[in-house]
Amino acid sequence: MLVSSRKRLLIVGHGMAATRLVRDLEEKSPGQFAITIVGDEKLGGYNRVLLSSLLAGESDEAALAMQDRSWYRQHDIQLIAGDAVSSIELDTQSATTESGRKLNWDYLVLATGSRAARLPIPGTDLDGVMTLRTLQEAKQLIARSRDAGNPESDKNAVVVGGGLLGLEAACALQARGMQVTVVHNESWPMNRQLDGEAGELLRRTLQQRGIGFNPEANCVRFEADATGETVSALLLADGRRLPCTTAVMALGIIPEVSLARQLDLVVERAIVVDKWLQTSDERVFALGECCQIESEMFGLVAPIYQQADILSAVLLYKATTGTERISPDVDNHASVLPHYQRQPLPTRLKVSGVDVFSAGMLASPDNSAPLRSMAMRDGRTGHYRRLWWRGSQLVGAVMFGDIGDSSHYLRMIEDGCKADSNPATLLAPSSRAAS
């Protein structure tokens, strides 16, 4: 019997990171690995970024698919869906799924992603209190919004969390005909990406659209209806009671690290990896939302796709050279392999036809020189933009309304270019035309 010489690559998790990784591997060196990819959802990998668009009715379920099952068959990749890995053994280099299936591996990639954060308050287990993390949850929210179309039903929904996901969920539910209130524990929406002035403009836009916004609010509990099973309201610390039959918690994500802890890998807030995505065990790698590089955590697509590209190159290098741990101290090729580099990732949001953009640094890190900034406001159109400098270098930008120059600003921030022109000139609309 012939024994395959291909290295066995087991990928645990089948989200966007894992899907991108297997695609990169097959593009760079088809058939190099005997790949098995295991996911706990019955569907194949899909684009979670589009869940809010699906909820809003702007895209359909087919648009979420990243690769269909025929692609895996064509590339001789074993896809196991709906049967999560429950345990892994380092000594035997094996894994076991919930159904008892045994899988052997030479290299292991943890792409276990994250789970939605939930409020630590009473009532989160009530029917109607949800998160928006999976396709199944999006479908459930769509069904609830359709039920709200019944004239006799309650159309009130509460979204807890005024970040990007929370606002997208709020706008999507509002587009479905629900009366939506956003509850946020900070003074303005998207406070991590926007300065106070842009945040206030965004708050006004939400209210003009009919979406309520409750700033600096602390949640006490979700209350049940007369049946004791379904949510009827959210009680705030100041005594206000917000009626709702649907509540969405959009509070960020918590890296899924249980398997990594089981393996005694180094775990802090997430699985610790180096800039080549290696864990503390040279046979095990991690990427995506479940990992951290130095102190950086991940929730956006761009850095995760960068990680997938790096890891595909690293795995191919290790498989062809027999190198154990890649390190500048022991490996002469480490310097030529791609490695992870932090980038000033942009944030974009469209609310009721109004665009919002943010990129780079809006405040100085601790114990560093303060940044200087300059703003432009157009009272007639309501457009606003502010730029931040460190010395003569542009380091941050926020735009509300007209974001036509956003790509130009982002390039300047990414490239570390000096803003030699007069700051007021750079700040003016269409400054990109002069670059």
Protein backbone atom coordinates (compact mmCIF):
# COMPACT_ATOMS: atom_id res chain seq x y z
CA MET A 1 0.00 0.00 0.00
CA LEU A 2 1.33 3.39 -0.96
CA VAL A 3 1.85 5.85 1.89
CA SER A 4 1.48 9.53 1.06
CA SER A 5 4.57 11.64 1.70
CA ARG A 6 2.47 14.75 2.06
CA LYS A 7 2.46 16.42 5.45
CA ARG A 8 -0.88 16.20 7.24
CA LEU A 9 -2.25 19.64 8.03
CA LEU A 10 -5.19 19.85 10.43
CA ILE A 11 -7.01 23.19 10.62
CA VAL A 12 -9.38 23.50 13.57
CA GLY A 13 -12.03 26.10 12.78
CA HIS A 14 -13.66 26.99 9.49
CA GLY A 15 -14.19 30.72 9.52
CA MET A 16 -12.82 33.41 7.25
CA ALA A 17 -9.23 32.97 8.45
CA ALA A 18 -9.15 29.21 7.80
CA THR A 19 -10.88 29.54 4.44
CA ARG A 20 -8.39 32.15 3.32
CA LEU A 21 -5.47 29.99 4.51
CA VAL A 22 -6.46 26.88 2.54
CA ARG A 23 -7.08 28.99 -0.56
CA ASP A 24 -3.62 30.57 -0.26
CA LEU A 25 -1.98 27.17 0.22
CA GLU A 26 -3.66 25.74 -2.86
CA GLU A 27 -2.76 28.78 -4.95
CA LYS A 28 0.90 28.72 -3.91
CA SER A 29 1.53 24.97 -3.95
CA PRO A 30 -1.44 22.79 -4.90
CA GLY A 31 -1.49 19.41 -3.18
CA GLN A 32 1.53 20.11 -0.98
CA PHE A 33 -0.42 19.13 2.15
CA ALA A 34 -3.03 16.53 3.01
CA ILE A 35 -5.44 19.08 4.47
CA THR A 36 -8.30 18.43 6.86
CA ILE A 37 -10.41 21.38 7.97
CA VAL A 38 -12.93 21.00 10.79
CA GLY A 39 -15.71 23.44 11.71
CA ASP A 40 -18.44 23.35 14.32
CA GLU A 41 -21.06 24.95 12.04
CA LYS A 42 -22.76 22.72 9.48
CA LEU A 43 -22.14 25.26 6.75
CA GLY A 44 -18.79 25.77 5.10
CA GLY A 45 -16.80 28.94 5.78
CA TYR A 46 -18.75 32.12 5.10
CA ASN A 47 -18.21 35.85 5.23
CA ARG A 48 -19.31 37.05 8.66
CA VAL A 49 -18.71 40.66 7.63
CA LEU A 50 -21.86 40.44 5.48
CA LEU A 51 -24.16 39.28 8.30
CA SER A 52 -25.33 42.84 8.95
CA SER A 53 -26.03 43.28 5.22
CA LEU A 54 -27.99 40.02 5.22
CA LEU A 55 -29.96 41.20 8.24
CA ALA A 56 -30.69 44.51 6.51
CA GLY A 57 -31.93 42.72 3.38
CA GLU A 58 -29.08 44.15 1.28
CA SER A 59 -27.54 40.75 0.43
CA ASP A 60 -28.69 37.15 0.35
CA GLU A 61 -27.32 34.02 1.95
CA ALA A 62 -25.60 32.89 -1.26
CA ALA A 63 -23.41 36.00 -1.18
CA LEU A 64 -21.88 34.90 2.13
CA ALA A 65 -20.30 31.68 0.82
CA MET A 66 -16.52 31.86 0.38
CA GLN A 67 -15.94 28.44 -1.22
CA ASP A 68 -18.52 25.83 -2.10
CA ARG A 69 -18.06 22.19 -1.17
CA SER A 70 -17.13 21.23 -4.73
CA TRP A 71 -13.99 23.38 -4.44
CA TYR A 72 -12.79 21.30 -1.48
CA ARG A 73 -13.46 18.08 -3.38
CA GLN A 74 -11.60 19.37 -6.44
CA HIS A 75 -8.56 20.17 -4.28
CA ASP A 76 -8.72 16.89 -2.34
CA ILE A 77 -9.33 18.69 0.95
CA GLN A 78 -11.25 16.83 3.65
CA LEU A 79 -13.97 19.12 4.98
CA ILE A 80 -15.68 18.14 8.24
CA ALA A 81 -18.56 20.46 9.07
CA GLY A 82 -20.81 20.38 12.11
CA ASP A 83 -18.51 18.10 14.12
CA ALA A 84 -16.22 20.26 16.25
CA VAL A 85 -12.86 19.11 17.59
CA SER A 86 -13.28 18.32 21.28
CA SER A 87 -9.75 17.28 22.24
CA ILE A 88 -6.20 17.35 20.89
CA GLU A 89 -3.13 15.34 21.89
CA LEU A 90 0.34 16.76 21.31
CA ASP A 91 2.18 13.53 22.15
CA THR A 92 0.36 11.48 19.52
CA GLN A 93 -0.32 14.45 17.22
CA SER A 94 -3.97 13.54 17.00
CA ALA A 95 -7.37 15.13 17.53
CA THR A 96 -10.83 13.82 18.32
CA THR A 97 -14.12 15.35 17.20
CA GLU A 98 -17.34 15.40 19.20
CA SER A 99 -18.63 12.40 17.23
CA GLY A 100 -15.49 10.42 18.10
CA ARG A 101 -13.71 10.76 14.77
CA LYS A 102 -9.89 10.48 15.09
CA LEU A 103 -7.66 12.80 13.05
CA ASN A 104 -3.86 12.69 12.83
CA TRP A 105 -1.68 15.65 11.97
CA ASP A 106 1.89 16.79 11.38
CA TYR A 107 1.05 20.48 11.61
CA LEU A 108 -1.88 21.92 13.53
CA VAL A 109 -3.50 25.31 12.93
CA LEU A 110 -5.89 26.72 15.50
CA ALA A 111 -8.34 29.03 13.75
CA THR A 112 -10.98 28.76 16.44
CA GLY A 113 -12.07 32.39 16.16
CA SER A 114 -14.06 33.95 18.96
CA ARG A 115 -17.45 34.06 20.58
CA ALA A 116 -19.65 37.07 21.14
CA ALA A 117 -19.27 38.83 24.48
CA ARG A 118 -22.40 38.85 26.64
CA LEU A 119 -23.49 41.08 29.50
CA PRO A 120 -22.95 39.57 32.97
CA ILE A 121 -26.46 40.55 34.09
CA PRO A 122 -29.70 38.66 34.79
CA GLY A 123 -31.97 37.86 31.88
CA THR A 124 -29.48 37.19 29.11
CA ASP A 125 -30.92 33.69 28.73
CA LEU A 126 -34.41 34.99 27.91
CA ASP A 127 -35.88 34.32 24.50
CA GLY A 128 -35.19 37.34 22.29
CA VAL A 129 -31.87 38.29 23.90
CA MET A 130 -29.34 37.53 21.20
CA THR A 131 -25.97 38.23 19.64
CA LEU A 132 -25.14 38.62 15.96
CA ARG A 133 -22.18 36.33 15.38
CA THR A 134 -23.41 33.46 13.21
CA LEU A 135 -25.57 32.96 10.16
CA GLN A 136 -28.09 31.12 12.32
CA GLU A 137 -28.38 34.13 14.63
CA ALA A 138 -28.86 36.45 11.65
CA LYS A 139 -31.67 34.21 10.40
CA GLN A 140 -33.30 34.25 13.83
CA LEU A 141 -33.18 38.05 13.92
CA ILE A 142 -34.68 38.23 10.43
CA ALA A 143 -37.51 35.95 11.59
CA ARG A 144 -38.12 38.13 14.66
CA SER A 145 -38.22 41.27 12.52
CA ARG A 146 -40.76 39.62 10.24
CA ASP A 147 -42.88 38.78 13.27
CA ALA A 148 -42.65 42.46 14.18
CA GLY A 149 -44.40 43.22 10.91
CA ASN A 150 -47.59 41.92 12.50
CA PRO A 151 -49.63 45.02 13.48
CA GLU A 152 -50.40 43.38 16.83
CA SER A 153 -46.77 42.66 17.71
CA ASP A 154 -44.24 44.81 19.55
CA LYS A 155 -41.67 46.31 17.19
CA ASN A 156 -39.25 47.57 19.84
CA ALA A 157 -35.64 46.39 19.72
CA VAL A 158 -32.63 47.33 21.85
CA VAL A 159 -29.03 47.06 20.72
CA VAL A 160 -26.48 47.08 23.54
CA GLY A 161 -23.20 48.46 22.21
CA GLY A 162 -22.56 51.53 20.09
CA GLY A 163 -19.51 50.25 18.21
CA LEU A 164 -19.36 49.39 14.54
CA LEU A 165 -21.21 46.06 14.81
CA GLY A 166 -23.85 47.52 17.11
CA LEU A 167 -24.62 50.39 14.74
CA GLU A 168 -24.74 48.08 11.74
CA ALA A 169 -27.16 45.80 13.61
CA ALA A 170 -29.29 48.77 14.69
CA CYS A 171 -29.53 50.14 11.15
CA ALA A 172 -30.32 46.67 9.80
CA LEU A 173 -33.15 46.10 12.29
CA GLN A 174 -34.47 49.60 11.63
CA ALA A 175 -34.47 48.81 7.90
CA ARG A 176 -36.58 45.75 8.75
CA GLY A 177 -39.22 48.00 10.30
CA MET A 178 -38.32 47.79 13.97
CA GLN A 179 -38.12 50.70 16.43
CA VAL A 180 -34.50 50.57 17.60
CA THR A 181 -32.70 52.08 20.58
CA VAL A 182 -28.93 51.82 21.00
CA VAL A 183 -27.54 51.65 24.53
CA HIS A 184 -23.86 52.56 24.91
CA ASN A 185 -21.65 52.94 27.97
CA GLU A 186 -19.61 55.79 26.44
CA SER A 187 -20.47 59.37 25.51
CA TRP A 188 -20.72 58.92 21.73
CA PRO A 189 -21.02 56.04 19.22
CA MET A 190 -17.88 54.44 17.80
CA ASN A 191 -15.86 56.16 20.52
CA ARG A 192 -12.80 54.00 19.75
CA GLN A 193 -12.68 55.18 16.15
CA LEU A 194 -14.13 58.71 16.24
CA ASP A 195 -13.40 61.89 18.11
CA GLY A 196 -16.19 63.53 20.08
CA GLU A 197 -17.27 65.92 17.35
CA ALA A 198 -17.61 63.24 14.67
CA GLY A 199 -19.31 61.01 17.22
CA GLU A 200 -21.89 63.72 17.96
CA LEU A 201 -22.58 64.15 14.24
CA LEU A 202 -23.09 60.41 13.95
CA ARG A 203 -25.44 60.40 16.96
CA ARG A 204 -27.56 63.12 15.36
CA THR A 205 -27.69 61.16 12.11
CA LEU A 206 -28.92 58.08 13.96
CA GLN A 207 -31.62 60.09 15.69
CA GLN A 208 -32.71 61.71 12.41
CA ARG A 209 -33.08 58.23 11.01
CA GLY A 210 -35.27 57.29 13.97
CA ILE A 211 -32.72 55.29 15.95
CA GLY A 212 -32.54 56.28 19.61
CA PHE A 213 -29.16 56.57 21.34
CA ASN A 214 -28.63 56.33 25.09
CA PRO A 215 -25.06 57.36 26.05
CA GLU A 216 -23.20 56.58 29.29
CA ALA A 217 -25.78 53.94 30.13
CA ASN A 218 -25.22 50.94 32.38
CA CYS A 219 -27.44 47.88 32.02
CA VAL A 220 -28.90 46.24 35.14
CA ARG A 221 -31.04 43.38 33.82
CA PHE A 222 -33.28 42.13 31.06
CA GLU A 223 -36.86 41.73 32.26
CA ALA A 224 -39.23 38.96 31.21
CA ASP A 225 -42.80 39.21 29.99
CA ALA A 226 -45.76 37.58 31.73
CA THR A 227 -44.67 34.12 30.54
CA GLY A 228 -41.29 34.52 32.26
CA GLU A 229 -39.57 33.25 29.10
CA THR A 230 -39.35 36.16 26.64
CA VAL A 231 -37.62 39.50 27.08
CA SER A 232 -39.91 42.49 27.52
CA ALA A 233 -37.54 45.29 28.59
CA LEU A 234 -34.01 46.35 29.49
CA LEU A 235 -33.60 48.09 32.84
CA LEU A 236 -30.84 50.72 33.10
CA ALA A 237 -28.97 51.80 36.22
CA ASP A 238 -30.63 55.24 36.20
CA GLY A 239 -34.04 53.60 36.48
CA ARG A 240 -35.09 53.89 32.86
CA ARG A 241 -36.90 50.91 31.42
CA LEU A 242 -36.57 50.34 27.66
CA PRO A 243 -39.36 48.11 26.31
CA CYS A 244 -38.20 45.51 23.80
CA THR A 245 -39.06 42.08 22.47
CA THR A 246 -35.69 41.75 20.76
CA ALA A 247 -32.33 42.67 22.26
CA VAL A 248 -28.97 42.33 20.53
CA MET A 249 -25.74 42.37 22.53
CA ALA A 250 -22.99 43.84 20.32
CA LEU A 251 -20.22 44.12 22.88
CA GLY A 252 -17.24 42.78 20.99
CA ILE A 253 -15.68 39.35 20.94
CA ILE A 254 -13.87 36.95 23.28
CA PRO A 255 -11.13 34.79 21.70
CA GLU A 256 -11.88 31.06 21.78
CA VAL A 257 -8.81 29.58 23.49
CA SER A 258 -10.12 26.49 25.29
CA LEU A 259 -8.27 24.01 23.06
CA ALA A 260 -5.06 26.04 23.35
CA ARG A 261 -5.30 25.93 27.15
CA GLN A 262 -5.91 22.20 26.96
CA LEU A 263 -2.61 21.91 25.07
CA ASP A 264 -0.78 24.09 27.63
CA LEU A 265 0.14 26.61 24.95
CA VAL A 266 1.01 30.11 26.11
CA VAL A 267 -2.27 31.99 26.37
CA GLU A 268 -2.82 35.53 27.64
CA ARG A 269 -5.93 37.32 26.41
CA ALA A 270 -5.64 35.10 23.33
CA ILE A 271 -3.24 32.46 22.00
CA VAL A 272 0.21 34.01 21.95
CA VAL A 273 1.98 33.69 18.58
CA ASP A 274 5.07 35.30 17.11
CA LYS A 275 5.16 37.32 13.90
CA TRP A 276 5.23 34.03 11.90
CA LEU A 277 2.05 32.80 13.67
CA GLN A 278 3.92 30.13 15.66
CA THR A 279 2.66 29.24 19.11
CA SER A 280 4.87 28.07 21.96
CA ASP A 281 4.89 24.63 20.27
CA GLU A 282 6.69 24.66 16.91
CA ARG A 283 4.15 22.22 15.40
CA VAL A 284 1.14 24.36 16.31
CA PHE A 285 0.08 27.68 14.77
CA ALA A 286 -2.82 30.04 15.37
CA LEU A 287 -4.35 32.85 13.34
CA GLY A 288 -7.33 35.15 13.31
CA GLU A 289 -9.44 36.27 16.21
CA CYS A 290 -8.15 33.55 18.54
CA CYS A 291 -4.54 34.79 18.51
CA GLN A 292 -2.52 37.77 19.66
CA ILE A 293 0.80 39.09 18.38
CA GLU A 294 2.54 40.92 21.19
CA SER A 295 -0.41 42.88 22.64
CA GLU A 296 -2.39 43.23 19.41
CA MET A 297 -5.74 41.47 19.10
CA PHE A 298 -7.70 40.98 15.90
CA GLY A 299 -11.28 41.44 14.79
CA LEU A 300 -10.98 43.02 11.34
CA VAL A 301 -10.55 41.13 8.09
CA ALA A 302 -7.46 42.87 6.67
CA PRO A 303 -4.91 41.82 9.33
CA ILE A 304 -6.39 38.31 9.46
CA TYR A 305 -5.95 37.90 5.71
CA GLN A 306 -2.39 39.18 6.10
CA GLN A 307 -1.84 36.46 8.72
CA ALA A 308 -3.23 33.78 6.37
CA ASP A 309 -0.84 34.83 3.62
CA ILE A 310 2.11 34.72 6.04
CA LEU A 311 1.14 31.38 7.53
CA SER A 312 0.74 29.72 4.13
CA ALA A 313 4.30 30.77 3.27
CA VAL A 314 5.60 29.59 6.65
CA LEU A 315 3.90 26.19 6.43
CA LEU A 316 5.21 25.58 2.92
CA TYR A 317 8.69 26.58 4.02
CA LYS A 318 8.64 24.27 7.03
CA ALA A 319 7.25 21.36 5.02
CA THR A 320 9.89 21.64 2.29
CA THR A 321 12.91 22.38 4.51
CA GLY A 322 12.12 20.40 7.64
CA THR A 323 12.74 23.47 9.76
CA GLU A 324 11.27 23.18 13.24
CA ARG A 325 10.96 26.67 14.74
CA ILE A 326 11.46 29.71 12.55
CA SER A 327 13.53 32.28 14.41
CA PRO A 328 16.02 34.97 13.37
CA ASP A 329 18.45 33.43 15.86
CA VAL A 330 18.53 29.96 14.32
CA ASP A 331 17.14 30.28 10.81
CA ASN A 332 18.94 32.18 8.07
CA HIS A 333 15.77 32.35 6.00
CA ALA A 334 13.62 33.94 8.68
CA SER A 335 14.43 37.42 7.43
CA VAL A 336 13.19 36.68 3.90
CA LEU A 337 9.97 34.98 4.99
CA PRO A 338 6.98 37.33 5.28
CA HIS A 339 6.07 38.25 8.84
CA TYR A 340 3.23 40.12 10.47
CA GLN A 341 3.45 43.90 10.58
CA ARG A 342 0.92 46.12 12.31
CA GLN A 343 -0.96 48.47 9.98
CA PRO A 344 -3.15 51.55 10.59
CA LEU A 345 -6.39 49.85 9.59
CA PRO A 346 -9.28 52.04 8.46
CA THR A 347 -12.85 51.86 9.71
CA ARG A 348 -15.75 52.75 7.43
CA LEU A 349 -19.47 52.96 8.11
CA LYS A 350 -22.39 54.12 5.97
CA VAL A 351 -25.44 55.30 7.92
CA SER A 352 -28.49 56.48 6.01
CA GLY A 353 -26.33 57.61 3.09
CA VAL A 354 -23.74 59.34 5.33
CA ASP A 355 -20.20 57.98 5.23
CA VAL A 356 -17.86 57.82 8.22
CA PHE A 357 -14.13 57.09 7.99
CA SER A 358 -11.41 56.70 10.61
CA ALA A 359 -7.77 55.57 10.42
CA GLY A 360 -4.59 55.78 12.42
CA MET A 361 -3.88 57.36 15.78
CA LEU A 362 -6.27 59.88 17.31
CA ALA A 363 -4.55 60.18 20.68
CA SER A 364 -1.00 59.84 21.98
CA PRO A 365 0.06 56.63 23.68
CA ASP A 366 0.91 56.95 27.36
CA ASN A 367 4.06 58.91 28.20
CA SER A 368 4.52 60.23 24.66
CA ALA A 369 4.38 63.70 23.20
CA PRO A 370 0.84 64.93 22.51
CA LEU A 371 -0.45 64.99 18.96
CA ARG A 372 -1.64 68.17 17.31
CA SER A 373 -4.77 68.28 15.20
CA MET A 374 -6.72 70.54 12.89
CA ALA A 375 -10.35 70.30 11.80
CA MET A 376 -12.49 71.46 8.90
CA ARG A 377 -16.25 71.92 9.18
CA ASP A 378 -18.79 72.69 6.48
CA GLY A 379 -21.89 74.11 8.13
CA ARG A 380 -23.88 73.96 4.91
CA THR A 381 -23.36 70.26 4.14
CA GLY A 382 -22.57 69.03 7.67
CA HIS A 383 -19.29 67.51 6.50
CA TYR A 384 -16.44 67.28 9.00
CA ARG A 385 -12.87 66.09 9.01
CA ARG A 386 -9.98 66.23 11.45
CA LEU A 387 -6.34 65.27 10.94
CA TRP A 388 -3.70 64.45 13.57
CA TRP A 389 0.05 65.01 13.25
CA ARG A 390 3.12 63.96 15.17
CA GLY A 391 5.78 66.46 14.18
CA SER A 392 5.30 66.78 10.43
CA GLN A 393 3.96 63.23 9.97
CA LEU A 394 0.27 62.58 9.43
CA VAL A 395 -0.76 59.85 11.91
CA GLY A 396 -4.57 59.94 12.06
CA ALA A 397 -7.72 61.02 10.24
CA VAL A 398 -11.45 61.14 10.92
CA MET A 399 -14.02 62.09 8.28
CA PHE A 400 -17.79 62.46 8.41
CA GLY A 401 -19.85 62.99 5.26
CA ASP A 402 -17.42 63.59 2.40
CA ILE A 403 -14.74 60.87 2.63
CA GLY A 404 -13.40 61.34 -0.89
CA ASP A 405 -9.85 61.92 0.37
CA SER A 406 -9.79 58.93 2.72
CA SER A 407 -7.58 56.74 0.51
CA HIS A 408 -5.04 59.56 0.18
CA TYR A 409 -4.90 60.08 3.93
CA LEU A 410 -4.65 56.35 4.57
CA ARG A 411 -1.69 56.01 2.19
CA MET A 412 0.09 58.89 3.91
CA ILE A 413 -0.47 57.30 7.33
CA GLU A 414 0.60 53.83 6.16
CA ASP A 415 3.73 55.09 4.39
CA GLY A 416 4.78 57.43 7.21
CA CYS A 417 4.92 60.34 4.78
CA LYS A 418 5.67 63.80 5.99
CA ALA A 419 2.94 66.34 5.40
CA ASP A 420 5.18 68.99 3.87
CA SER A 421 2.29 71.11 2.65
CA ASN A 422 0.46 73.58 4.82
CA PRO A 423 -1.83 71.58 7.17
CA ALA A 424 -4.82 73.65 6.14
CA THR A 425 -4.13 72.81 2.48
CA LEU A 426 -3.91 69.08 3.25
CA LEU A 427 -7.13 69.32 5.22
CA ALA A 428 -9.08 70.89 2.35
CA PRO A 429 -11.32 68.61 0.27
CA SER A 430 -9.78 67.08 -2.87
CA SER A 431 -6.29 67.56 -1.52
CA ARG A 432 -5.53 64.17 -3.13
CA ALA A 433 -5.66 65.85 -6.52
CA ALA A 434 -2.55 67.82 -5.69
CA SER A 435 -0.53 64.83 -4.43
